[in-house]
Amino acid sequence: MFPIFLGLHKLLGKPIPVGSNNLSWTLLKFIQSDSQKHDSSDIEALTEIYSKLSIALDVMHECFEPVEEPHTKRDLLKDVIFSKESELNRLNFRGFYTVLLQKDDEFITVATVR
């Protein structure tokens, strides 16, 4: 495996404190799951990640007009946040991570990175 990939995966879901004022950032990535292969703690973690990504999508929709893909009518912001894969390169958002900046339990801002 690549060192950057492994380093990023070690950070997934772990709040990282930023300075003072109870700020933290968290790196998230949507992971497709086959519920038959996960125990209840894995399912809880996946549910929490999905919930946070859904909130991140809401924050993005507050800041940006929805962008709809003309042929599929899909919400491109949602596809990016949830790392939607496609055989078409222009619609393949695999590999995207979402960064959440929080103050206490409040979401301050969201960014996506690849």
PDB file of N, CA and C in Angstrom:
ATOM      1  N   MET A   1       0.837  -1.185   0.000  1.00  0.00           N
ATOM      2  CA  MET A   1       0.000   0.000   0.000  1.00  0.00           C
ATOM      3  C   MET A   1       0.880   1.246   0.000  1.00  0.00           C
ATOM      4  N   PHE A   2       0.279   2.330  -0.399  1.00  0.00           N
ATOM      5  CA  PHE A   2       0.982   3.591  -0.463  1.00  0.00           C
ATOM      6  C   PHE A   2       0.982   4.266   0.903  1.00  0.00           C
ATOM      7  N   PRO A   3       2.110   4.887   1.307  1.00  0.00           N
ATOM      8  CA  PRO A   3       2.198   5.518   2.631  1.00  0.00           C
ATOM      9  C   PRO A   3       1.149   6.613   2.857  1.00  0.00           C
ATOM     10  N   ILE A   4       0.845   7.402   1.834  1.00  0.00           N
ATOM     11  CA  ILE A   4      -0.148   8.474   2.000  1.00  0.00           C
ATOM     12  C   ILE A   4      -1.523   7.869   2.261  1.00  0.00           C
ATOM     13  N   PHE A   5      -1.886   6.857   1.490  1.00  0.00           N
ATOM     14  CA  PHE A   5      -3.171   6.186   1.663  1.00  0.00           C
ATOM     15  C   PHE A   5      -3.295   5.616   3.073  1.00  0.00           C
ATOM     16  N   LEU A   6      -2.254   4.941   3.531  1.00  0.00           N
ATOM     17  CA  LEU A   6      -2.284   4.358   4.873  1.00  0.00           C
ATOM     18  C   LEU A   6      -2.381   5.440   5.947  1.00  0.00           C
ATOM     19  N   GLY A   7      -1.649   6.535   5.757  1.00  0.00           N
ATOM     20  CA  GLY A   7      -1.695   7.639   6.716  1.00  0.00           C
ATOM     21  C   GLY A   7      -3.076   8.259   6.794  1.00  0.00           C
ATOM     22  N   LEU A   8      -3.707   8.443   5.638  1.00  0.00           N
ATOM     23  CA  LEU A   8      -5.060   9.005   5.621  1.00  0.00           C
ATOM     24  C   LEU A   8      -6.048   8.072   6.320  1.00  0.00           C
ATOM     25  N   HIS A   9      -5.920   6.786   6.072  1.00  0.00           N
ATOM     26  CA  HIS A   9      -6.853   5.843   6.673  1.00  0.00           C
ATOM     27  C   HIS A   9      -6.683   5.724   8.186  1.00  0.00           C
ATOM     28  N   LYS A  10      -5.505   6.019   8.674  1.00  0.00           N
ATOM     29  CA  LYS A  10      -5.314   6.050  10.135  1.00  0.00           C
ATOM     30  C   LYS A  10      -6.033   7.242  10.766  1.00  0.00           C
ATOM     31  N   LEU A  11      -6.234   8.310   9.973  1.00  0.00           N
ATOM     32  CA  LEU A  11      -6.894   9.517  10.472  1.00  0.00           C
ATOM     33  C   LEU A  11      -8.419   9.466  10.361  1.00  0.00           C
ATOM     34  N   LEU A  12      -8.942   8.555   9.561  1.00  0.00           N
ATOM     35  CA  LEU A  12     -10.377   8.535   9.286  1.00  0.00           C
ATOM     36  C   LEU A  12     -11.205   8.469  10.566  1.00  0.00           C
ATOM     37  N   GLY A  13     -12.134   9.421  10.678  1.00  0.00           N
ATOM     38  CA  GLY A  13     -13.091   9.427  11.770  1.00  0.00           C
ATOM     39  C   GLY A  13     -12.579   9.911  13.107  1.00  0.00           C
ATOM     40  N   LYS A  14     -11.308  10.279  13.178  1.00  0.00           N
ATOM     41  CA  LYS A  14     -10.721  10.720  14.444  1.00  0.00           C
ATOM     42  C   LYS A  14     -10.648  12.246  14.489  1.00  0.00           C
ATOM     43  N   PRO A  15     -11.338  12.868  15.439  1.00  0.00           N
ATOM     44  CA  PRO A  15     -11.250  14.337  15.547  1.00  0.00           C
ATOM     45  C   PRO A  15      -9.828  14.774  15.909  1.00  0.00           C
ATOM     46  N   ILE A  16      -9.314  15.751  15.178  1.00  0.00           N
ATOM     47  CA  ILE A  16      -7.971  16.284  15.406  1.00  0.00           C
ATOM     48  C   ILE A  16      -8.133  17.711  15.941  1.00  0.00           C
ATOM     49  N   PRO A  17      -7.688  17.971  17.175  1.00  0.00           N
ATOM     50  CA  PRO A  17      -7.819  19.327  17.731  1.00  0.00           C
ATOM     51  C   PRO A  17      -7.043  20.353  16.908  1.00  0.00           C
ATOM     52  N   VAL A  18      -7.632  21.553  16.784  1.00  0.00           N
ATOM     53  CA  VAL A  18      -7.004  22.650  16.045  1.00  0.00           C
ATOM     54  C   VAL A  18      -6.966  23.859  16.965  1.00  0.00           C
ATOM     55  N   GLY A  19      -5.791  24.214  17.431  1.00  0.00           N
ATOM     56  CA  GLY A  19      -5.642  25.408  18.261  1.00  0.00           C
ATOM     57  C   GLY A  19      -6.532  25.388  19.485  1.00  0.00           C
ATOM     58  N   SER A  20      -7.176  26.520  19.709  1.00  0.00           N
ATOM     59  CA  SER A  20      -8.038  26.643  20.886  1.00  0.00           C
ATOM     60  C   SER A  20      -9.499  26.768  20.453  1.00  0.00           C
ATOM     61  N   ASN A  21     -10.359  27.146  21.366  1.00  0.00           N
ATOM     62  CA  ASN A  21     -11.783  27.350  21.091  1.00  0.00           C
ATOM     63  C   ASN A  21     -12.536  26.071  20.737  1.00  0.00           C
ATOM     64  N   ASN A  22     -12.034  24.915  21.181  1.00  0.00           N
ATOM     65  CA  ASN A  22     -12.696  23.632  20.935  1.00  0.00           C
ATOM     66  C   ASN A  22     -12.925  23.320  19.459  1.00  0.00           C
ATOM     67  N   LEU A  23     -12.023  23.781  18.597  1.00  0.00           N
ATOM     68  CA  LEU A  23     -12.096  23.456  17.175  1.00  0.00           C
ATOM     69  C   LEU A  23     -11.425  22.125  16.915  1.00  0.00           C
ATOM     70  N   SER A  24     -11.993  21.361  15.992  1.00  0.00           N
ATOM     71  CA  SER A  24     -11.352  20.119  15.561  1.00  0.00           C
ATOM     72  C   SER A  24     -11.749  19.849  14.111  1.00  0.00           C
ATOM     73  N   TRP A  25     -10.902  19.090  13.427  1.00  0.00           N
ATOM     74  CA  TRP A  25     -11.251  18.655  12.081  1.00  0.00           C
ATOM     75  C   TRP A  25     -11.244  17.141  12.058  1.00  0.00           C
ATOM     76  N   THR A  26     -12.109  16.598  11.218  1.00  0.00           N
ATOM     77  CA  THR A  26     -12.237  15.150  11.093  1.00  0.00           C
ATOM     78  C   THR A  26     -12.249  14.789   9.618  1.00  0.00           C
ATOM     79  N   LEU A  27     -11.469  13.789   9.267  1.00  0.00           N
ATOM     80  CA  LEU A  27     -11.419  13.285   7.900  1.00  0.00           C
ATOM     81  C   LEU A  27     -12.396  12.112   7.787  1.00  0.00           C
ATOM     82  N   LEU A  28     -13.285  12.175   6.796  1.00  0.00           N
ATOM     83  CA  LEU A  28     -14.271  11.119   6.595  1.00  0.00           C
ATOM     84  C   LEU A  28     -14.240  10.632   5.153  1.00  0.00           C
ATOM     85  N   LYS A  29     -14.625   9.402   4.971  1.00  0.00           N
ATOM     86  CA  LYS A  29     -14.751   8.832   3.629  1.00  0.00           C
ATOM     87  C   LYS A  29     -15.869   7.812   3.676  1.00  0.00           C
ATOM     88  N   PHE A  30     -16.771   7.889   2.719  1.00  0.00           N
ATOM     89  CA  PHE A  30     -17.852   6.921   2.652  1.00  0.00           C
ATOM     90  C   PHE A  30     -17.290   5.587   2.204  1.00  0.00           C
ATOM     91  N   ILE A  31     -17.674   4.552   2.914  1.00  0.00           N
ATOM     92  CA  ILE A  31     -17.204   3.203   2.599  1.00  0.00           C
ATOM     93  C   ILE A  31     -18.424   2.344   2.322  1.00  0.00           C
ATOM     94  N   GLN A  32     -18.459   1.769   1.125  1.00  0.00           N
ATOM     95  CA  GLN A  32     -19.546   0.852   0.806  1.00  0.00           C
ATOM     96  C   GLN A  32     -19.441  -0.342   1.739  1.00  0.00           C
ATOM     97  N   SER A  33     -20.557  -0.789   2.247  1.00  0.00           N
ATOM     98  CA  SER A  33     -20.498  -1.914   3.169  1.00  0.00           C
ATOM     99  C   SER A  33     -21.402  -3.030   2.716  1.00  0.00           C
ATOM    100  N   ASP A  34     -20.953  -4.220   3.009  1.00  0.00           N
ATOM    101  CA  ASP A  34     -21.777  -5.406   2.857  1.00  0.00           C
ATOM    102  C   ASP A  34     -22.132  -5.800   4.277  1.00  0.00           C
ATOM    103  N   SER A  35     -23.345  -5.476   4.707  1.00  0.00           N
ATOM    104  CA  SER A  35     -23.726  -5.626   6.116  1.00  0.00           C
ATOM    105  C   SER A  35     -23.559  -7.046   6.631  1.00  0.00           C
ATOM    106  N   GLN A  36     -23.464  -8.023   5.760  1.00  0.00           N
ATOM    107  CA  GLN A  36     -23.278  -9.400   6.206  1.00  0.00           C
ATOM    108  C   GLN A  36     -21.861  -9.642   6.726  1.00  0.00           C
ATOM    109  N   LYS A  37     -20.928  -8.778   6.388  1.00  0.00           N
ATOM    110  CA  LYS A  37     -19.536  -8.972   6.779  1.00  0.00           C
ATOM    111  C   LYS A  37     -19.131  -8.115   7.974  1.00  0.00           C
ATOM    112  N   HIS A  38     -20.055  -7.344   8.549  1.00  0.00           N
ATOM    113  CA  HIS A  38     -19.732  -6.430   9.634  1.00  0.00           C
ATOM    114  C   HIS A  38     -20.473  -6.827  10.906  1.00  0.00           C
ATOM    115  N   ASP A  39     -19.801  -6.616  12.035  1.00  0.00           N
ATOM    116  CA  ASP A  39     -20.494  -6.824  13.306  1.00  0.00           C
ATOM    117  C   ASP A  39     -21.209  -5.538  13.697  1.00  0.00           C
ATOM    118  N   SER A  40     -21.908  -5.558  14.819  1.00  0.00           N
ATOM    119  CA  SER A  40     -22.739  -4.408  15.201  1.00  0.00           C
ATOM    120  C   SER A  40     -21.920  -3.146  15.448  1.00  0.00           C
ATOM    121  N   SER A  41     -20.688  -3.265  15.976  1.00  0.00           N
ATOM    122  CA  SER A  41     -19.878  -2.054  16.199  1.00  0.00           C
ATOM    123  C   SER A  41     -19.444  -1.436  14.873  1.00  0.00           C
ATOM    124  N   ASP A  42     -19.158  -2.278  13.875  1.00  0.00           N
ATOM    125  CA  ASP A  42     -18.826  -1.758  12.541  1.00  0.00           C
ATOM    126  C   ASP A  42     -20.021  -1.037  11.935  1.00  0.00           C
ATOM    127  N   ILE A  43     -21.210  -1.607  12.104  1.00  0.00           N
ATOM    128  CA  ILE A  43     -22.419  -1.012  11.552  1.00  0.00           C
ATOM    129  C   ILE A  43     -22.693   0.324  12.227  1.00  0.00           C
ATOM    130  N   GLU A  44     -22.469   0.408  13.534  1.00  0.00           N
ATOM    131  CA  GLU A  44     -22.629   1.680  14.250  1.00  0.00           C
ATOM    132  C   GLU A  44     -21.673   2.731  13.701  1.00  0.00           C
ATOM    133  N   ALA A  45     -20.412   2.354  13.503  1.00  0.00           N
ATOM    134  CA  ALA A  45     -19.409   3.293  12.985  1.00  0.00           C
ATOM    135  C   ALA A  45     -19.789   3.749  11.579  1.00  0.00           C
ATOM    136  N   LEU A  46     -20.229   2.819  10.731  1.00  0.00           N
ATOM    137  CA  LEU A  46     -20.626   3.182   9.369  1.00  0.00           C
ATOM    138  C   LEU A  46     -21.846   4.097   9.380  1.00  0.00           C
ATOM    139  N   THR A  47     -22.769   3.849  10.310  1.00  0.00           N
ATOM    140  CA  THR A  47     -23.954   4.693  10.435  1.00  0.00           C
ATOM    141  C   THR A  47     -23.565   6.101  10.868  1.00  0.00           C
ATOM    142  N   GLU A  48     -22.614   6.205  11.797  1.00  0.00           N
ATOM    143  CA  GLU A  48     -22.154   7.523  12.250  1.00  0.00           C
ATOM    144  C   GLU A  48     -21.472   8.281  11.115  1.00  0.00           C
ATOM    145  N   ILE A  49     -20.650   7.593  10.340  1.00  0.00           N
ATOM    146  CA  ILE A  49     -19.981   8.229   9.205  1.00  0.00           C
ATOM    147  C   ILE A  49     -21.021   8.708   8.192  1.00  0.00           C
ATOM    148  N   TYR A  50     -21.994   7.862   7.885  1.00  0.00           N
ATOM    149  CA  TYR A  50     -23.044   8.237   6.931  1.00  0.00           C
ATOM    150  C   TYR A  50     -23.803   9.461   7.429  1.00  0.00           C
ATOM    151  N   SER A  51     -24.106   9.480   8.721  1.00  0.00           N
ATOM    152  CA  SER A  51     -24.828  10.602   9.313  1.00  0.00           C
ATOM    153  C   SER A  51     -24.033  11.895   9.197  1.00  0.00           C
ATOM    154  N   LYS A  52     -22.745  11.845   9.516  1.00  0.00           N
ATOM    155  CA  LYS A  52     -21.894  13.039   9.425  1.00  0.00           C
ATOM    156  C   LYS A  52     -21.751  13.500   7.978  1.00  0.00           C
ATOM    157  N   LEU A  53     -21.631  12.550   7.049  1.00  0.00           N
ATOM    158  CA  LEU A  53     -21.527  12.925   5.639  1.00  0.00           C
ATOM    159  C   LEU A  53     -22.833  13.544   5.142  1.00  0.00           C
ATOM    160  N   SER A  54     -23.954  13.065   5.649  1.00  0.00           N
ATOM    161  CA  SER A  54     -25.244  13.661   5.278  1.00  0.00           C
ATOM    162  C   SER A  54     -25.332  15.104   5.761  1.00  0.00           C
ATOM    163  N   ILE A  55     -24.846  15.359   6.970  1.00  0.00           N
ATOM    164  CA  ILE A  55     -24.816  16.730   7.485  1.00  0.00           C
ATOM    165  C   ILE A  55     -23.857  17.577   6.656  1.00  0.00           C
ATOM    166  N   ALA A  56     -22.712  16.990   6.296  1.00  0.00           N
ATOM    167  CA  ALA A  56     -21.748  17.707   5.452  1.00  0.00           C
ATOM    168  C   ALA A  56     -22.392  18.087   4.118  1.00  0.00           C
ATOM    169  N   LEU A  57     -23.184  17.194   3.559  1.00  0.00           N
ATOM    170  CA  LEU A  57     -23.886  17.495   2.310  1.00  0.00           C
ATOM    171  C   LEU A  57     -24.866  18.644   2.505  1.00  0.00           C
ATOM    172  N   ASP A  58     -25.571  18.649   3.622  1.00  0.00           N
ATOM    173  CA  ASP A  58     -26.483  19.765   3.918  1.00  0.00           C
ATOM    174  C   ASP A  58     -25.728  21.091   3.995  1.00  0.00           C
ATOM    175  N   VAL A  59     -24.555  21.077   4.630  1.00  0.00           N
ATOM    176  CA  VAL A  59     -23.739  22.297   4.725  1.00  0.00           C
ATOM    177  C   VAL A  59     -23.315  22.746   3.329  1.00  0.00           C
ATOM    178  N   MET A  60     -22.899  21.810   2.495  1.00  0.00           N
ATOM    179  CA  MET A  60     -22.490  22.162   1.132  1.00  0.00           C
ATOM    180  C   MET A  60     -23.665  22.742   0.343  1.00  0.00           C
ATOM    181  N   HIS A  61     -24.852  22.165   0.533  1.00  0.00           N
ATOM    182  CA  HIS A  61     -26.032  22.684  -0.168  1.00  0.00           C
ATOM    183  C   HIS A  61     -26.412  24.077   0.327  1.00  0.00           C
ATOM    184  N   GLU A  62     -26.101  24.398   1.578  1.00  0.00           N
ATOM    185  CA  GLU A  62     -26.348  25.757   2.079  1.00  0.00           C
ATOM    186  C   GLU A  62     -25.425  26.767   1.407  1.00  0.00           C
ATOM    187  N   CYS A  63     -24.220  26.322   1.045  1.00  0.00           N
ATOM    188  CA  CYS A  63     -23.202  27.229   0.504  1.00  0.00           C
ATOM    189  C   CYS A  63     -23.175  27.281  -1.020  1.00  0.00           C
ATOM    190  N   PHE A  64     -23.602  26.215  -1.672  1.00  0.00           N
ATOM    191  CA  PHE A  64     -23.503  26.129  -3.129  1.00  0.00           C
ATOM    192  C   PHE A  64     -24.837  25.722  -3.722  1.00  0.00           C
ATOM    193  N   GLU A  65     -25.113  26.243  -4.901  1.00  0.00           N
ATOM    194  CA  GLU A  65     -26.292  25.814  -5.643  1.00  0.00           C
ATOM    195  C   GLU A  65     -26.083  24.351  -6.041  1.00  0.00           C
ATOM    196  N   PRO A  66     -27.128  23.542  -5.993  1.00  0.00           N
ATOM    197  CA  PRO A  66     -26.975  22.152  -6.430  1.00  0.00           C
ATOM    198  C   PRO A  66     -26.513  22.085  -7.885  1.00  0.00           C
ATOM    199  N   VAL A  67     -25.639  21.140  -8.149  1.00  0.00           N
ATOM    200  CA  VAL A  67     -25.146  20.920  -9.508  1.00  0.00           C
ATOM    201  C   VAL A  67     -25.676  19.562  -9.937  1.00  0.00           C
ATOM    202  N   GLU A  68     -26.501  19.588 -10.956  1.00  0.00           N
ATOM    203  CA  GLU A  68     -27.114  18.352 -11.432  1.00  0.00           C
ATOM    204  C   GLU A  68     -26.414  17.903 -12.706  1.00  0.00           C
ATOM    205  N   GLU A  69     -26.041  16.621 -12.749  1.00  0.00           N
ATOM    206  CA  GLU A  69     -25.435  16.065 -13.946  1.00  0.00           C
ATOM    207  C   GLU A  69     -26.533  15.976 -15.001  1.00  0.00           C
ATOM    208  N   PRO A  70     -26.312  16.567 -16.196  1.00  0.00           N
ATOM    209  CA  PRO A  70     -27.391  16.686 -17.178  1.00  0.00           C
ATOM    210  C   PRO A  70     -27.995  15.358 -17.661  1.00  0.00           C
ATOM    211  N   HIS A  71     -27.191  14.329 -17.785  1.00  0.00           N
ATOM    212  CA  HIS A  71     -27.702  13.072 -18.343  1.00  0.00           C
ATOM    213  C   HIS A  71     -28.342  12.181 -17.291  1.00  0.00           C
ATOM    214  N   THR A  72     -27.726  12.084 -16.122  1.00  0.00           N
ATOM    215  CA  THR A  72     -28.239  11.184 -15.083  1.00  0.00           C
ATOM    216  C   THR A  72     -29.156  11.895 -14.097  1.00  0.00           C
ATOM    217  N   LYS A  73     -29.104  13.237 -14.101  1.00  0.00           N
ATOM    218  CA  LYS A  73     -29.877  14.065 -13.155  1.00  0.00           C
ATOM    219  C   LYS A  73     -29.453  13.849 -11.708  1.00  0.00           C
ATOM    220  N   ARG A  74     -28.246  13.324 -11.508  1.00  0.00           N
ATOM    221  CA  ARG A  74     -27.732  13.085 -10.160  1.00  0.00           C
ATOM    222  C   ARG A  74     -27.158  14.368  -9.575  1.00  0.00           C
ATOM    223  N   ASP A  75     -27.226  14.485  -8.268  1.00  0.00           N
ATOM    224  CA  ASP A  75     -26.659  15.610  -7.523  1.00  0.00           C
ATOM    225  C   ASP A  75     -25.155  15.369  -7.396  1.00  0.00           C
ATOM    226  N   LEU A  76     -24.352  16.176  -8.100  1.00  0.00           N
ATOM    227  CA  LEU A  76     -22.906  15.957  -8.109  1.00  0.00           C
ATOM    228  C   LEU A  76     -22.267  16.198  -6.740  1.00  0.00           C
ATOM    229  N   LEU A  77     -22.812  17.132  -5.953  1.00  0.00           N
ATOM    230  CA  LEU A  77     -22.271  17.333  -4.597  1.00  0.00           C
ATOM    231  C   LEU A  77     -22.421  16.058  -3.770  1.00  0.00           C
ATOM    232  N   LYS A  78     -23.571  15.434  -3.872  1.00  0.00           N
ATOM    233  CA  LYS A  78     -23.805  14.185  -3.144  1.00  0.00           C
ATOM    234  C   LYS A  78     -22.854  13.092  -3.628  1.00  0.00           C
ATOM    235  N   ASP A  79     -22.659  13.010  -4.944  1.00  0.00           N
ATOM    236  CA  ASP A  79     -21.750  12.000  -5.483  1.00  0.00           C
ATOM    237  C   ASP A  79     -20.319  12.203  -4.993  1.00  0.00           C
ATOM    238  N   VAL A  80     -19.888  13.460  -4.881  1.00  0.00           N
ATOM    239  CA  VAL A  80     -18.530  13.749  -4.388  1.00  0.00           C
ATOM    240  C   VAL A  80     -18.424  13.395  -2.910  1.00  0.00           C
ATOM    241  N   ILE A  81     -19.368  13.867  -2.094  1.00  0.00           N
ATOM    242  CA  ILE A  81     -19.331  13.617  -0.648  1.00  0.00           C
ATOM    243  C   ILE A  81     -19.343  12.120  -0.354  1.00  0.00           C
ATOM    244  N   PHE A  82     -20.141  11.366  -1.124  1.00  0.00           N
ATOM    245  CA  PHE A  82     -20.277   9.933  -0.869  1.00  0.00           C
ATOM    246  C   PHE A  82     -19.396   9.082  -1.799  1.00  0.00           C
ATOM    247  N   SER A  83     -18.380   9.693  -2.414  1.00  0.00           N
ATOM    248  CA  SER A  83     -17.383   8.986  -3.228  1.00  0.00           C
ATOM    249  C   SER A  83     -18.005   8.010  -4.223  1.00  0.00           C
ATOM    250  N   LYS A  84     -19.015   8.487  -4.926  1.00  0.00           N
ATOM    251  CA  LYS A  84     -19.729   7.641  -5.888  1.00  0.00           C
ATOM    252  C   LYS A  84     -18.792   7.231  -7.017  1.00  0.00           C
ATOM    253  N   GLU A  85     -18.753   5.929  -7.283  1.00  0.00           N
ATOM    254  CA  GLU A  85     -17.921   5.407  -8.364  1.00  0.00           C
ATOM    255  C   GLU A  85     -18.729   5.304  -9.649  1.00  0.00           C
ATOM    256  N   SER A  86     -18.018   5.416 -10.764  1.00  0.00           N
ATOM    257  CA  SER A  86     -18.645   5.280 -12.072  1.00  0.00           C
ATOM    258  C   SER A  86     -17.599   4.774 -13.052  1.00  0.00           C
ATOM    259  N   GLU A  87     -18.067   4.084 -14.074  1.00  0.00           N
ATOM    260  CA  GLU A  87     -17.150   3.663 -15.136  1.00  0.00           C
ATOM    261  C   GLU A  87     -16.780   4.843 -16.030  1.00  0.00           C
ATOM    262  N   LEU A  88     -17.590   5.907 -15.985  1.00  0.00           N
ATOM    263  CA  LEU A  88     -17.288   7.118 -16.742  1.00  0.00           C
ATOM    264  C   LEU A  88     -16.353   7.995 -15.920  1.00  0.00           C
ATOM    265  N   ASN A  89     -15.199   8.321 -16.447  1.00  0.00           N
ATOM    266  CA  ASN A  89     -14.218   9.122 -15.704  1.00  0.00           C
ATOM    267  C   ASN A  89     -14.789  10.439 -15.211  1.00  0.00           C
ATOM    268  N   ARG A  90     -15.618  11.085 -16.012  1.00  0.00           N
ATOM    269  CA  ARG A  90     -16.158  12.386 -15.623  1.00  0.00           C
ATOM    270  C   ARG A  90     -17.133  12.296 -14.447  1.00  0.00           C
ATOM    271  N   LEU A  91     -17.621  11.091 -14.149  1.00  0.00           N
ATOM    272  CA  LEU A  91     -18.566  10.900 -13.042  1.00  0.00           C
ATOM    273  C   LEU A  91     -18.005   9.998 -11.951  1.00  0.00           C
ATOM    274  N   ASN A  92     -16.707   9.704 -12.029  1.00  0.00           N
ATOM    275  CA  ASN A  92     -16.100   8.817 -11.030  1.00  0.00           C
ATOM    276  C   ASN A  92     -15.491   9.661  -9.911  1.00  0.00           C
ATOM    277  N   PHE A  93     -16.134   9.642  -8.763  1.00  0.00           N
ATOM    278  CA  PHE A  93     -15.676  10.445  -7.631  1.00  0.00           C
ATOM    279  C   PHE A  93     -15.043   9.574  -6.552  1.00  0.00           C
ATOM    280  N   ARG A  94     -14.597   8.408  -6.946  1.00  0.00           N
ATOM    281  CA  ARG A  94     -13.894   7.510  -6.027  1.00  0.00           C
ATOM    282  C   ARG A  94     -12.626   8.209  -5.551  1.00  0.00           C
ATOM    283  N   GLY A  95     -12.319   8.055  -4.295  1.00  0.00           N
ATOM    284  CA  GLY A  95     -11.091   8.631  -3.778  1.00  0.00           C
ATOM    285  C   GLY A  95     -11.265   9.982  -3.116  1.00  0.00           C
ATOM    286  N   PHE A  96     -12.475  10.510  -3.107  1.00  0.00           N
ATOM    287  CA  PHE A  96     -12.712  11.782  -2.430  1.00  0.00           C
ATOM    288  C   PHE A  96     -12.848  11.562  -0.926  1.00  0.00           C
ATOM    289  N   TYR A  97     -12.290  12.488  -0.177  1.00  0.00           N
ATOM    290  CA  TYR A  97     -12.432  12.520   1.278  1.00  0.00           C
ATOM    291  C   TYR A  97     -13.166  13.803   1.630  1.00  0.00           C
ATOM    292  N   THR A  98     -13.855  13.782   2.760  1.00  0.00           N
ATOM    293  CA  THR A  98     -14.546  14.968   3.252  1.00  0.00           C
ATOM    294  C   THR A  98     -13.901  15.370   4.566  1.00  0.00           C
ATOM    295  N   VAL A  99     -13.612  16.666   4.699  1.00  0.00           N
ATOM    296  CA  VAL A  99     -13.033  17.199   5.931  1.00  0.00           C
ATOM    297  C   VAL A  99     -14.091  18.070   6.600  1.00  0.00           C
ATOM    298  N   LEU A 100     -14.354  17.776   7.867  1.00  0.00           N
ATOM    299  CA  LEU A 100     -15.319  18.552   8.644  1.00  0.00           C
ATOM    300  C   LEU A 100     -14.569  19.382   9.659  1.00  0.00           C
ATOM    301  N   LEU A 101     -14.867  20.656   9.734  1.00  0.00           N
ATOM    302  CA  LEU A 101     -14.350  21.510  10.801  1.00  0.00           C
ATOM    303  C   LEU A 101     -15.498  21.737  11.766  1.00  0.00           C
ATOM    304  N   GLN A 102     -15.267  21.388  13.029  1.00  0.00           N
ATOM    305  CA  GLN A 102     -16.313  21.500  14.038  1.00  0.00           C
ATOM    306  C   GLN A 102     -15.845  22.329  15.221  1.00  0.00           C
ATOM    307  N   LYS A 103     -16.799  23.012  15.838  1.00  0.00           N
ATOM    308  CA  LYS A 103     -16.576  23.656  17.121  1.00  0.00           C
ATOM    309  C   LYS A 103     -17.564  22.991  18.063  1.00  0.00           C
ATOM    310  N   ASP A 104     -17.035  22.278  19.034  1.00  0.00           N
ATOM    311  CA  ASP A 104     -17.853  21.426  19.898  1.00  0.00           C
ATOM    312  C   ASP A 104     -18.611  20.455  18.981  1.00  0.00           C
ATOM    313  N   ASP A 105     -19.935  20.469  18.991  1.00  0.00           N
ATOM    314  CA  ASP A 105     -20.714  19.571  18.130  1.00  0.00           C
ATOM    315  C   ASP A 105     -21.288  20.265  16.900  1.00  0.00           C
ATOM    316  N   GLU A 106     -20.912  21.537  16.684  1.00  0.00           N
ATOM    317  CA  GLU A 106     -21.445  22.301  15.557  1.00  0.00           C
ATOM    318  C   GLU A 106     -20.499  22.218  14.360  1.00  0.00           C
ATOM    319  N   PHE A 107     -21.079  21.946  13.184  1.00  0.00           N
ATOM    320  CA  PHE A 107     -20.293  21.912  11.958  1.00  0.00           C
ATOM    321  C   PHE A 107     -20.068  23.344  11.486  1.00  0.00           C
ATOM    322  N   ILE A 108     -18.806  23.737  11.339  1.00  0.00           N
ATOM    323  CA  ILE A 108     -18.452  25.088  10.917  1.00  0.00           C
ATOM    324  C   ILE A 108     -18.328  25.164   9.406  1.00  0.00           C
ATOM    325  N   THR A 109     -17.577  24.231   8.842  1.00  0.00           N
ATOM    326  CA  THR A 109     -17.396  24.206   7.396  1.00  0.00           C
ATOM    327  C   THR A 109     -17.032  22.798   6.945  1.00  0.00           C
ATOM    328  N   VAL A 110     -17.092  22.608   5.636  1.00  0.00           N
ATOM    329  CA  VAL A 110     -16.844  21.299   5.026  1.00  0.00           C
ATOM    330  C   VAL A 110     -15.966  21.522   3.805  1.00  0.00           C
ATOM    331  N   ALA A 111     -15.072  20.583   3.562  1.00  0.00           N
ATOM    332  CA  ALA A 111     -14.273  20.612   2.342  1.00  0.00           C
ATOM    333  C   ALA A 111     -14.166  19.196   1.806  1.00  0.00           C
ATOM    334  N   THR A 112     -14.004  19.078   0.496  1.00  0.00           N
ATOM    335  CA  THR A 112     -13.739  17.784  -0.097  1.00  0.00           C
ATOM    336  C   THR A 112     -12.355  17.832  -0.712  1.00  0.00           C
ATOM    337  N   VAL A 113     -11.638  16.736  -0.605  1.00  0.00           N
ATOM    338  CA  VAL A 113     -10.280  16.656  -1.143  1.00  0.00           C
ATOM    339  C   VAL A 113     -10.105  15.317  -1.832  1.00  0.00           C
ATOM    340  N   ARG A 114      -9.221  15.340  -2.821  1.00  0.00           N
ATOM    341  CA  ARG A 114      -8.915  14.084  -3.527  1.00  0.00           C
ATOM    342  C   ARG A 114      -7.424  14.015  -3.693  1.00  0.00           C
TER     343      ARG A 114
END
